[in-house]
Structure formats: structure tokens, C-alpha cells
Amino acid sequence: MGAFRLTALFHEVYIVCDVGTPFAQDELATRSDGPHRPALHDAYLRHVRETGAPFVVVSGSHAHRLEQAASAVDAMLSERPRLAA
């Protein structure tokens, strides 16, 4: 079995939360909020730009971020070729 490489994955559209999005701790407490957060955000944006994949940065309230993300997915799906049934 070959090694699984995350870098080999390609996503149809990346959705990146703005660095100002409120931080929420995960159940395992594996992440932390702090001064490293803007640097990580910049690294995520650098990565997605390097892939050449479409992306959107969502910001605002939870409802507004969800609306922006749904719009990005809808736009991506509307551009896909339809398969004959």
C-alpha cells in the first residue's frame, strides 16, 4: 500500500475563514488561539494560491459565512459538466 499524501489532493473549491473569525476550541483541545493564528492563515492562503484551485475567504457572522460558502459551492456546482442520466 502506497503512502497517502495530503499534498496530492485537489479540491474543487477551498473555503477559508477570515483570520478575524471567532476562534472555537475543538473537542480534543489540539488547537489554540494566539499570535500564531495570522501566520497560519497566511500559510493557508499561500497554499491555496499555489494549488491554483478556486477559493473564497468568508467573513462576517456565522450566517454570513455560511451564505458565502454555500454561494461558492453553488457556483462551483453550476460550472461542472452535467452527466447524462
N, C-alpha and C. Protein backbone atom coordinates (compact mmCIF):
# COMPACT_ATOMS: atom_id res chain seq x y z
N MET A 1 0.85 -1.18 0.00
CA MET A 1 0.00 0.00 0.00
C MET A 1 0.90 1.25 0.00
N GLY A 2 0.64 2.15 -0.91
CA GLY A 2 1.45 3.35 -1.02
C GLY A 2 1.13 4.35 0.08
N ALA A 3 2.04 5.26 0.27
CA ALA A 3 1.84 6.30 1.28
C ALA A 3 0.79 7.29 0.80
N PHE A 4 -0.06 7.69 1.69
CA PHE A 4 -1.09 8.69 1.38
C PHE A 4 -0.48 10.07 1.52
N ARG A 5 -0.62 10.89 0.51
CA ARG A 5 -0.04 12.23 0.54
C ARG A 5 -1.15 13.27 0.45
N LEU A 6 -1.28 14.05 1.50
CA LEU A 6 -2.28 15.09 1.52
C LEU A 6 -2.06 16.09 0.40
N THR A 7 -0.81 16.34 0.05
CA THR A 7 -0.50 17.31 -1.00
C THR A 7 -1.00 16.84 -2.36
N ALA A 8 -1.33 15.57 -2.50
CA ALA A 8 -1.82 15.07 -3.77
C ALA A 8 -3.31 15.34 -3.97
N LEU A 9 -3.98 15.77 -2.94
CA LEU A 9 -5.41 16.03 -3.04
C LEU A 9 -5.68 17.36 -3.74
N PHE A 10 -6.74 17.40 -4.50
CA PHE A 10 -7.16 18.64 -5.15
C PHE A 10 -8.64 18.82 -4.85
N HIS A 11 -8.99 19.96 -4.39
CA HIS A 11 -10.38 20.23 -4.05
C HIS A 11 -10.99 21.14 -5.10
N GLU A 12 -12.27 21.00 -5.32
CA GLU A 12 -12.97 21.81 -6.30
C GLU A 12 -12.97 23.29 -5.90
N VAL A 13 -13.16 23.55 -4.62
CA VAL A 13 -13.14 24.92 -4.12
C VAL A 13 -12.71 24.88 -2.65
N TYR A 14 -11.81 25.75 -2.30
CA TYR A 14 -11.39 25.88 -0.91
C TYR A 14 -12.20 26.99 -0.25
N ILE A 15 -12.63 26.77 0.96
CA ILE A 15 -13.33 27.78 1.73
C ILE A 15 -12.47 28.07 2.95
N VAL A 16 -11.98 29.30 3.03
CA VAL A 16 -11.07 29.71 4.10
C VAL A 16 -11.76 30.78 4.94
N CYS A 17 -11.85 30.55 6.23
CA CYS A 17 -12.42 31.57 7.11
C CYS A 17 -11.41 32.71 7.29
N ASP A 18 -11.91 33.92 7.32
CA ASP A 18 -11.09 35.09 7.57
C ASP A 18 -10.39 34.94 8.91
N VAL A 19 -9.22 35.51 9.02
CA VAL A 19 -8.44 35.42 10.26
C VAL A 19 -9.21 36.03 11.44
N GLY A 20 -10.15 36.91 11.17
CA GLY A 20 -10.94 37.53 12.23
C GLY A 20 -12.12 36.70 12.70
N THR A 21 -12.31 35.52 12.11
CA THR A 21 -13.41 34.64 12.53
C THR A 21 -13.17 34.22 13.97
N PRO A 22 -14.20 34.29 14.83
CA PRO A 22 -14.00 33.91 16.23
C PRO A 22 -13.46 32.48 16.36
N PHE A 23 -12.51 32.31 17.25
CA PHE A 23 -11.89 31.02 17.49
C PHE A 23 -12.81 30.15 18.33
N ALA A 24 -12.91 28.87 17.95
CA ALA A 24 -13.67 27.89 18.73
C ALA A 24 -12.78 26.68 18.95
N GLN A 25 -12.59 26.32 20.19
CA GLN A 25 -11.73 25.19 20.54
C GLN A 25 -12.37 23.88 20.09
N ASP A 26 -11.57 22.96 19.57
CA ASP A 26 -12.08 21.65 19.20
C ASP A 26 -12.18 20.76 20.45
N GLU A 27 -12.86 19.63 20.32
CA GLU A 27 -13.11 18.74 21.46
C GLU A 27 -11.84 18.21 22.10
N LEU A 28 -10.80 18.00 21.31
CA LEU A 28 -9.56 17.42 21.83
C LEU A 28 -8.55 18.47 22.28
N ALA A 29 -8.91 19.73 22.12
CA ALA A 29 -8.04 20.85 22.50
C ALA A 29 -6.68 20.76 21.80
N THR A 30 -6.72 20.38 20.52
CA THR A 30 -5.48 20.25 19.77
C THR A 30 -5.05 21.56 19.11
N ARG A 31 -5.91 22.55 19.17
CA ARG A 31 -5.58 23.85 18.58
C ARG A 31 -5.62 24.90 19.67
N SER A 32 -4.97 26.01 19.42
CA SER A 32 -5.05 27.11 20.38
C SER A 32 -5.07 28.42 19.62
N ASP A 33 -5.72 29.38 20.21
CA ASP A 33 -5.76 30.72 19.65
C ASP A 33 -4.51 31.44 20.13
N GLY A 34 -3.99 32.33 19.34
CA GLY A 34 -2.82 33.06 19.78
C GLY A 34 -2.16 33.82 18.65
N PRO A 35 -0.96 34.31 18.91
CA PRO A 35 -0.28 35.15 17.93
C PRO A 35 0.12 34.41 16.65
N HIS A 36 0.15 33.07 16.68
CA HIS A 36 0.50 32.29 15.50
C HIS A 36 -0.64 32.22 14.49
N ARG A 37 -1.84 32.58 14.91
CA ARG A 37 -3.01 32.43 14.06
C ARG A 37 -2.90 33.20 12.73
N PRO A 38 -2.49 34.48 12.72
CA PRO A 38 -2.35 35.17 11.43
C PRO A 38 -1.31 34.52 10.51
N ALA A 39 -0.24 34.00 11.09
CA ALA A 39 0.79 33.33 10.27
C ALA A 39 0.23 32.05 9.64
N LEU A 40 -0.55 31.30 10.41
CA LEU A 40 -1.18 30.09 9.87
C LEU A 40 -2.17 30.45 8.76
N HIS A 41 -2.93 31.50 8.97
CA HIS A 41 -3.89 31.95 7.97
C HIS A 41 -3.17 32.31 6.67
N ASP A 42 -2.07 33.04 6.79
CA ASP A 42 -1.27 33.39 5.61
C ASP A 42 -0.73 32.14 4.92
N ALA A 43 -0.34 31.15 5.71
CA ALA A 43 0.17 29.89 5.13
C ALA A 43 -0.93 29.16 4.37
N TYR A 44 -2.15 29.15 4.92
CA TYR A 44 -3.27 28.51 4.22
C TYR A 44 -3.53 29.21 2.90
N LEU A 45 -3.54 30.54 2.91
CA LEU A 45 -3.79 31.29 1.68
C LEU A 45 -2.68 31.07 0.65
N ARG A 46 -1.44 31.03 1.12
CA ARG A 46 -0.31 30.78 0.24
C ARG A 46 -0.47 29.41 -0.43
N HIS A 47 -0.83 28.41 0.38
CA HIS A 47 -1.01 27.05 -0.15
C HIS A 47 -2.11 27.02 -1.21
N VAL A 48 -3.25 27.59 -0.91
CA VAL A 48 -4.37 27.51 -1.85
C VAL A 48 -4.05 28.27 -3.13
N ARG A 49 -3.33 29.36 -3.02
CA ARG A 49 -2.93 30.09 -4.24
C ARG A 49 -1.95 29.26 -5.07
N GLU A 50 -1.05 28.55 -4.40
CA GLU A 50 -0.08 27.71 -5.10
C GLU A 50 -0.74 26.55 -5.84
N THR A 51 -1.87 26.05 -5.32
CA THR A 51 -2.56 24.94 -5.97
C THR A 51 -3.25 25.39 -7.25
N GLY A 52 -3.59 26.68 -7.33
CA GLY A 52 -4.33 27.18 -8.48
C GLY A 52 -5.81 26.89 -8.40
N ALA A 53 -6.25 26.28 -7.31
CA ALA A 53 -7.66 25.95 -7.15
C ALA A 53 -8.45 27.21 -6.80
N PRO A 54 -9.73 27.22 -7.17
CA PRO A 54 -10.56 28.35 -6.76
C PRO A 54 -10.74 28.35 -5.25
N PHE A 55 -10.85 29.53 -4.68
CA PHE A 55 -11.08 29.62 -3.24
C PHE A 55 -11.85 30.90 -2.94
N VAL A 56 -12.42 30.91 -1.75
CA VAL A 56 -13.12 32.09 -1.26
C VAL A 56 -12.76 32.25 0.21
N VAL A 57 -12.55 33.48 0.63
CA VAL A 57 -12.34 33.77 2.05
C VAL A 57 -13.67 34.30 2.57
N VAL A 58 -14.22 33.61 3.56
CA VAL A 58 -15.52 34.01 4.12
C VAL A 58 -15.31 34.77 5.41
N SER A 59 -16.18 35.75 5.64
CA SER A 59 -16.04 36.58 6.84
C SER A 59 -17.43 37.03 7.29
N GLY A 60 -17.45 37.65 8.46
CA GLY A 60 -18.72 38.15 9.00
C GLY A 60 -19.32 37.19 10.01
N SER A 61 -20.61 37.34 10.21
CA SER A 61 -21.32 36.49 11.18
C SER A 61 -21.34 35.04 10.69
N HIS A 62 -21.70 34.14 11.57
CA HIS A 62 -21.78 32.73 11.21
C HIS A 62 -22.73 32.56 10.01
N ALA A 63 -23.88 33.20 10.07
CA ALA A 63 -24.85 33.09 8.98
C ALA A 63 -24.28 33.64 7.67
N HIS A 64 -23.57 34.74 7.75
CA HIS A 64 -22.99 35.35 6.55
C HIS A 64 -21.89 34.46 5.98
N ARG A 65 -21.05 33.88 6.84
CA ARG A 65 -20.00 32.97 6.36
C ARG A 65 -20.62 31.75 5.68
N LEU A 66 -21.68 31.22 6.27
CA LEU A 66 -22.37 30.07 5.69
C LEU A 66 -22.95 30.42 4.33
N GLU A 67 -23.53 31.60 4.23
CA GLU A 67 -24.10 32.05 2.95
C GLU A 67 -23.01 32.19 1.88
N GLN A 68 -21.88 32.77 2.27
CA GLN A 68 -20.76 32.92 1.32
C GLN A 68 -20.23 31.57 0.87
N ALA A 69 -20.09 30.64 1.81
CA ALA A 69 -19.60 29.31 1.48
C ALA A 69 -20.58 28.58 0.56
N ALA A 70 -21.87 28.65 0.87
CA ALA A 70 -22.88 28.00 0.04
C ALA A 70 -22.89 28.59 -1.36
N SER A 71 -22.72 29.90 -1.47
CA SER A 71 -22.67 30.54 -2.79
C SER A 71 -21.48 30.06 -3.59
N ALA A 72 -20.34 29.89 -2.93
CA ALA A 72 -19.13 29.40 -3.62
C ALA A 72 -19.33 27.97 -4.11
N VAL A 73 -19.94 27.13 -3.29
CA VAL A 73 -20.20 25.75 -3.69
C VAL A 73 -21.23 25.71 -4.82
N ASP A 74 -22.29 26.51 -4.70
CA ASP A 74 -23.29 26.57 -5.77
C ASP A 74 -22.67 26.99 -7.09
N ALA A 75 -21.79 28.00 -7.05
CA ALA A 75 -21.12 28.47 -8.27
C ALA A 75 -20.25 27.36 -8.85
N MET A 76 -19.53 26.64 -7.99
CA MET A 76 -18.68 25.55 -8.46
C MET A 76 -19.53 24.45 -9.09
N LEU A 77 -20.65 24.11 -8.47
CA LEU A 77 -21.50 23.04 -8.99
C LEU A 77 -22.17 23.45 -10.31
N SER A 78 -22.49 24.71 -10.46
CA SER A 78 -23.14 25.17 -11.69
C SER A 78 -22.17 25.16 -12.88
N GLU A 79 -20.87 25.17 -12.59
CA GLU A 79 -19.86 25.16 -13.66
C GLU A 79 -19.46 23.75 -14.07
N ARG A 80 -19.84 22.76 -13.28
CA ARG A 80 -19.46 21.37 -13.61
C ARG A 80 -20.30 20.87 -14.78
N PRO A 81 -19.70 20.07 -15.63
CA PRO A 81 -20.48 19.48 -16.73
C PRO A 81 -21.51 18.51 -16.17
N ARG A 82 -22.67 18.50 -16.74
CA ARG A 82 -23.74 17.60 -16.31
C ARG A 82 -23.55 16.25 -16.99
N LEU A 83 -23.73 15.18 -16.23
CA LEU A 83 -23.66 13.84 -16.78
C LEU A 83 -25.05 13.40 -17.22
N ALA A 84 -25.14 12.73 -18.33
CA ALA A 84 -26.43 12.24 -18.81
C ALA A 84 -26.90 11.12 -17.89
N ALA A 85 -28.20 11.11 -17.63
CA ALA A 85 -28.76 10.08 -16.74
C ALA A 85 -28.98 8.79 -17.48
